[in-house]
Protein backbone atom coordinates (compact mmCIF):
# COMPACT_ATOMS: atom_id res chain seq x y z
CA UNK A 1 84.29 -5.50 8.98
CA UNK A 2 83.89 -4.83 12.00
CA UNK A 3 84.26 -0.97 11.89
CA UNK A 4 81.28 -1.58 10.28
CA UNK A 5 79.49 -2.77 14.11
CA UNK A 6 80.80 0.49 15.00
CA UNK A 7 79.87 3.44 13.16
CA UNK A 8 76.28 3.38 13.26
CA UNK A 9 76.24 3.95 16.40
CA UNK A 10 78.81 6.71 16.35
CA UNK A 11 75.96 9.28 15.28
CA UNK A 12 74.02 8.26 18.11
CA UNK A 13 76.20 8.98 20.15
CA UNK A 14 77.08 12.66 18.74
CA UNK A 15 73.78 13.61 18.86
CA UNK A 16 73.66 12.73 22.66
CA UNK A 17 76.33 14.85 23.22
CA UNK A 18 74.88 17.87 21.20
CA UNK A 19 70.83 17.27 22.95
CA UNK A 20 73.23 17.09 26.66
CA UNK A 21 74.44 20.31 25.86
CA UNK A 22 71.15 21.89 24.31
CA UNK A 23 68.78 20.94 26.81
CA UNK A 24 67.04 19.01 24.17
CA UNK A 25 65.61 16.25 22.70
CA UNK A 26 64.38 15.70 18.74
CA UNK A 27 61.49 15.76 19.79
CA UNK A 28 61.59 19.06 22.18
CA UNK A 29 64.09 21.38 19.38
CA UNK A 30 60.81 22.26 16.84
CA UNK A 31 58.82 24.12 19.62
CA UNK A 32 62.27 25.20 21.57
CA UNK A 33 65.14 26.33 18.91
CA UNK A 34 63.93 29.91 19.22
CA UNK A 35 64.89 31.94 16.25
CA UNK A 36 68.09 29.35 16.46
CA UNK A 37 71.68 29.82 15.33
CA UNK A 38 72.16 29.19 18.73
CA UNK A 39 73.58 25.80 17.62
CA UNK A 40 76.50 27.37 15.85
CA UNK A 41 78.05 27.98 19.36
CA UNK A 42 78.01 24.05 20.23
CA UNK A 43 82.14 22.96 19.61
CA UNK A 44 81.65 19.39 19.08
CA UNK A 45 81.17 19.42 15.11
CA UNK A 46 84.11 18.15 12.94
CA UNK A 47 83.00 14.53 15.25
CA UNK A 48 79.31 15.27 14.51
CA UNK A 49 79.81 16.00 10.37
CA UNK A 50 82.21 13.10 10.22
CA UNK A 51 80.27 10.61 12.24
CA UNK A 52 77.29 12.28 10.19
CA UNK A 53 79.32 10.66 7.04
CA UNK A 54 80.09 7.39 7.96
CA UNK A 55 76.37 7.16 8.35
CA UNK A 56 76.19 7.91 4.57
CA UNK A 57 78.68 5.60 3.72
CA UNK A 58 75.78 3.07 5.84
CA UNK A 59 72.80 3.85 3.85
CA UNK A 60 74.93 3.54 0.89
CA UNK A 61 75.56 -0.23 1.26
CA UNK A 62 72.54 -0.70 2.76
CA UNK A 63 69.69 1.61 3.94
CA UNK A 64 68.58 1.61 7.42
CA UNK A 65 65.52 2.97 8.55
CA UNK A 66 67.76 4.61 12.68
CA UNK A 67 70.22 5.32 10.48
CA UNK A 68 68.18 7.52 7.91
CA UNK A 69 66.22 9.05 11.33
CA UNK A 70 69.57 9.68 12.95
CA UNK A 71 70.93 11.26 9.84
CA UNK A 72 67.50 14.06 9.50
CA UNK A 73 68.26 14.70 12.41
CA UNK A 74 71.69 15.69 11.97
CA UNK A 75 70.58 17.40 9.45
CA UNK A 76 67.69 19.47 11.26
CA UNK A 77 70.06 20.35 14.28
CA UNK A 78 72.95 21.53 11.21
CA UNK A 79 70.96 24.63 9.43
CA UNK A 80 72.87 27.25 9.45
CA UNK A 81 75.70 25.60 8.01
CA UNK A 82 74.28 23.51 5.74
CA UNK A 83 77.36 21.22 6.38
CA UNK A 84 75.95 17.93 6.94
CA UNK A 85 73.31 18.65 3.62
CA UNK A 86 76.52 19.24 1.96
CA UNK A 87 76.86 15.82 3.17
CA UNK A 88 74.40 13.56 1.57
CA UNK A 89 74.06 15.92 -1.61
CA UNK A 90 77.55 14.94 -3.12
CA UNK A 91 77.54 11.78 -0.94
CA UNK A 92 74.75 9.72 -0.68
CA UNK A 93 73.62 8.41 -3.36
CA UNK A 94 69.73 7.07 -3.91
CA UNK A 95 68.69 9.98 -2.58
CA UNK A 96 64.35 9.51 -2.17
CA UNK A 97 64.68 7.26 0.59
CA UNK A 98 66.15 10.03 2.94
CA UNK A 99 64.56 12.18 1.74
CA UNK A 100 61.44 10.68 2.89
CA UNK A 101 62.44 9.54 5.86
CA UNK A 102 62.75 13.64 6.70
CA UNK A 103 59.93 15.11 4.36
CA UNK A 104 58.21 12.86 7.21
CA UNK A 105 59.84 13.80 9.62
CA UNK A 106 58.19 16.28 12.89
CA UNK A 107 61.70 18.42 12.33
CA UNK A 108 60.69 21.62 10.14
CA UNK A 109 64.55 22.74 10.02
CA UNK A 110 65.03 19.60 8.67
CA UNK A 111 62.13 20.13 4.99
CA UNK A 112 63.06 23.09 4.53
CA UNK A 113 66.35 21.65 3.83
CA UNK A 114 65.30 19.33 2.22
CA UNK A 115 62.70 22.03 -0.38
CA UNK A 116 66.35 23.43 -0.51
CA UNK A 117 68.00 19.46 -2.41
CA UNK A 118 66.03 19.40 -4.56
CA UNK A 119 65.59 22.67 -6.21
CA UNK A 120 70.16 21.01 -6.64
CA UNK A 121 69.31 17.60 -7.65
CA UNK A 122 67.40 15.22 -9.86
CA UNK A 123 65.28 12.79 -7.13
CA UNK A 124 62.39 10.85 -8.55
CA UNK A 125 59.23 12.22 -7.95
CA UNK A 126 61.47 15.51 -6.78
CA UNK A 127 57.98 17.76 -8.12
CA UNK A 128 55.40 16.17 -6.60
CA UNK A 129 57.51 15.72 -3.25
CA UNK A 130 58.40 20.30 -3.49
CA UNK A 131 54.72 21.19 -3.82
CA UNK A 132 53.24 18.27 -1.19
CA UNK A 133 56.35 20.91 1.20
CA UNK A 134 54.12 23.27 -0.59
CA UNK A 135 50.63 21.87 0.96
CA UNK A 136 50.87 20.38 3.57
CA UNK A 137 52.67 22.54 5.62
CA UNK A 138 51.82 25.16 7.82
CA UNK A 139 55.96 26.55 8.37
CA UNK A 140 56.25 29.68 5.85
CA UNK A 141 59.56 29.13 6.38
CA UNK A 142 59.48 25.54 4.53
CA UNK A 143 56.92 26.41 1.71
CA UNK A 144 58.97 29.79 0.83
CA UNK A 145 62.44 27.69 0.27
CA UNK A 146 59.42 24.38 -1.16
CA UNK A 147 58.77 27.10 -3.60
CA UNK A 148 62.18 28.85 -4.46
CA UNK A 149 63.35 25.57 -5.70
CA UNK A 150 60.01 24.84 -7.17
CA UNK A 151 60.49 27.12 -9.59
CA UNK A 152 63.63 25.99 -10.32
CA UNK A 153 62.35 22.40 -11.68
CA UNK A 154 59.01 23.38 -12.52
CA UNK A 155 58.49 27.71 -13.27
CA UNK A 156 55.25 27.40 -15.46
CA UNK A 157 53.81 25.20 -11.84
CA UNK A 158 55.72 27.67 -9.05
CA UNK A 159 53.76 30.08 -10.99
CA UNK A 160 50.89 29.05 -11.68
CA UNK A 161 51.36 27.56 -7.42
CA UNK A 162 52.13 31.00 -5.94
CA UNK A 163 49.48 32.61 -7.30
CA UNK A 164 48.32 31.57 -4.19
CA UNK A 165 50.20 33.36 -1.85
CA UNK A 166 50.60 36.68 -3.18
CA UNK A 167 48.24 38.07 -0.13
CA UNK A 168 49.62 35.82 2.17
CA UNK A 169 49.65 37.31 5.11
CA UNK A 170 54.06 35.90 5.76
CA UNK A 171 55.41 39.37 4.00
CA UNK A 172 58.23 36.81 3.09
CA UNK A 173 56.45 33.55 0.79
CA UNK A 174 54.21 36.97 -0.73
CA UNK A 175 57.80 38.28 -1.43
CA UNK A 176 59.38 35.47 -2.76
CA UNK A 177 55.12 34.51 -4.44
CA UNK A 178 55.56 38.35 -6.14
CA UNK A 179 58.93 37.44 -7.48
CA UNK A 180 58.90 33.75 -8.53
CA UNK A 181 55.13 35.39 -11.04
CA UNK A 182 57.64 38.53 -11.68
CA UNK A 183 60.38 36.41 -13.36
CA UNK A 184 60.68 35.59 -16.52
CA UNK A 185 62.79 31.42 -17.83
């Protein structure tokens, strides 16, 4: 198909427009995004979502690391509305390779959304992936989201892990841990 050769470039093009608008790169975004929500001011989300859908179709045909990386960036910058996450959750047929790509990326905004995804869909080794997100990240928000998803996947294990965070310096991680340890299943 002739159109397939253009589809992967579409997301890359849409991301380039976003990075130019934001005055950032995928490498500087995690440190410089601040508290976020400003991303919602971007005016061309619809084109980016359309391109993300096309990449998912492409990934369903054949996994491509470069395309998957573009989708990780799209996921990261769309952290407020969650449209890209919904596209991945609903349309990506084999999620494991993409999940691994996002988890191993330098994009905290993609990682916490992957934690959210793992609480909602069954992916091979999802419990271990969630444990790795909790244990191998300094980002307390990622830990929190992964702990909440782990609670859905294996509540007794989440209770065990949450015990370690009952006295954490982060008040929100402490609160989530208290809620998980109190919850009866």
